[in-house]
Amino acid sequence: MIAKEWGDAHVRSVTIHPSIRTKRLVLAPYAMRDVDELHWVRSNREVMQHIGKGVLTRPGVQDTV
């Protein structure tokens, strides 16, 4: 969710990402229930040296979700 401030008004926009399901695979947007596992991966320096922009803290992961 993205929040923008315009004067005293706060405007929030929500981007809806659809899930893709097959018999063997489910691709879905991150949810708050995914934070622990996502943090475990995104805080690993060996993993993140190959993807992304470096390791993320737990609050950084929560912002991603």
Protein backbone atom coordinates (compact mmCIF):
# COMPACT_ATOMS: atom_id res chain seq x y z
CA MET A 1 0.00 0.00 0.00
CA ILE A 2 1.30 3.41 -0.87
CA ALA A 3 0.36 6.47 1.17
CA LYS A 4 0.86 9.97 -0.13
CA GLU A 5 0.43 13.19 1.77
CA TRP A 6 -1.17 16.18 0.11
CA GLY A 7 -1.54 18.95 2.65
CA ASP A 8 -3.69 17.61 5.47
CA ALA A 9 -5.19 14.83 3.35
CA HIS A 10 -3.77 11.31 3.26
CA VAL A 11 -4.46 9.42 0.06
CA ARG A 12 -3.92 5.68 -0.05
CA SER A 13 -3.78 3.63 -3.20
CA VAL A 14 -3.95 -0.12 -3.23
CA THR A 15 -2.49 -2.28 -5.97
CA ILE A 16 -4.24 -5.61 -6.33
CA HIS A 17 -2.03 -8.47 -7.51
CA PRO A 18 -3.87 -11.56 -8.71
CA SER A 19 -2.87 -15.07 -7.71
CA ILE A 20 -1.86 -17.58 -10.36
CA ARG A 21 -2.73 -21.19 -9.64
CA THR A 22 -1.90 -24.39 -11.46
CA LYS A 23 -2.10 -28.01 -10.33
CA ARG A 24 1.45 -27.83 -8.97
CA LEU A 25 2.11 -24.16 -8.21
CA VAL A 26 0.54 -21.16 -6.50
CA LEU A 27 2.01 -17.71 -7.12
CA ALA A 28 0.42 -15.14 -4.86
CA PRO A 29 1.33 -11.72 -3.45
CA TYR A 30 3.05 -11.59 -0.09
CA ALA A 31 0.87 -11.51 3.02
CA MET A 32 1.71 -10.60 6.62
CA ARG A 33 1.77 -14.32 7.45
CA ASP A 34 4.81 -14.59 5.12
CA VAL A 35 7.00 -12.10 7.03
CA ASP A 36 8.94 -14.67 9.13
CA GLU A 37 9.91 -16.84 6.18
CA LEU A 38 10.59 -13.89 3.91
CA HIS A 39 12.79 -12.27 6.56
CA TRP A 40 14.73 -15.53 6.93
CA VAL A 41 15.55 -15.43 3.20
CA ARG A 42 15.94 -11.65 2.74
CA SER A 43 18.30 -11.31 5.74
CA ASN A 44 20.69 -13.98 4.42
CA ARG A 45 23.77 -12.26 2.93
CA GLU A 46 24.65 -15.28 0.76
CA VAL A 47 21.23 -15.25 -0.87
CA MET A 48 20.93 -11.49 -1.20
CA GLN A 49 24.33 -11.04 -2.83
CA HIS A 50 22.72 -12.51 -5.95
CA ILE A 51 19.32 -10.80 -5.84
CA GLY A 52 17.88 -7.54 -4.66
CA LYS A 53 19.78 -4.61 -3.18
CA GLY A 54 21.24 -6.27 -0.10
CA VAL A 55 19.89 -7.74 3.10
CA LEU A 56 16.68 -6.49 4.65
CA THR A 57 15.81 -6.00 8.29
CA ARG A 58 12.49 -7.28 9.62
CA PRO A 59 10.91 -3.79 9.31
CA GLY A 60 12.22 -3.67 5.73
CA VAL A 61 10.55 -6.98 4.99
CA GLN A 62 7.30 -5.77 6.56
CA ASP A 63 7.42 -2.72 4.29
CA THR A 64 7.84 -5.08 1.32
CA VAL A 65 4.73 -7.00 2.30
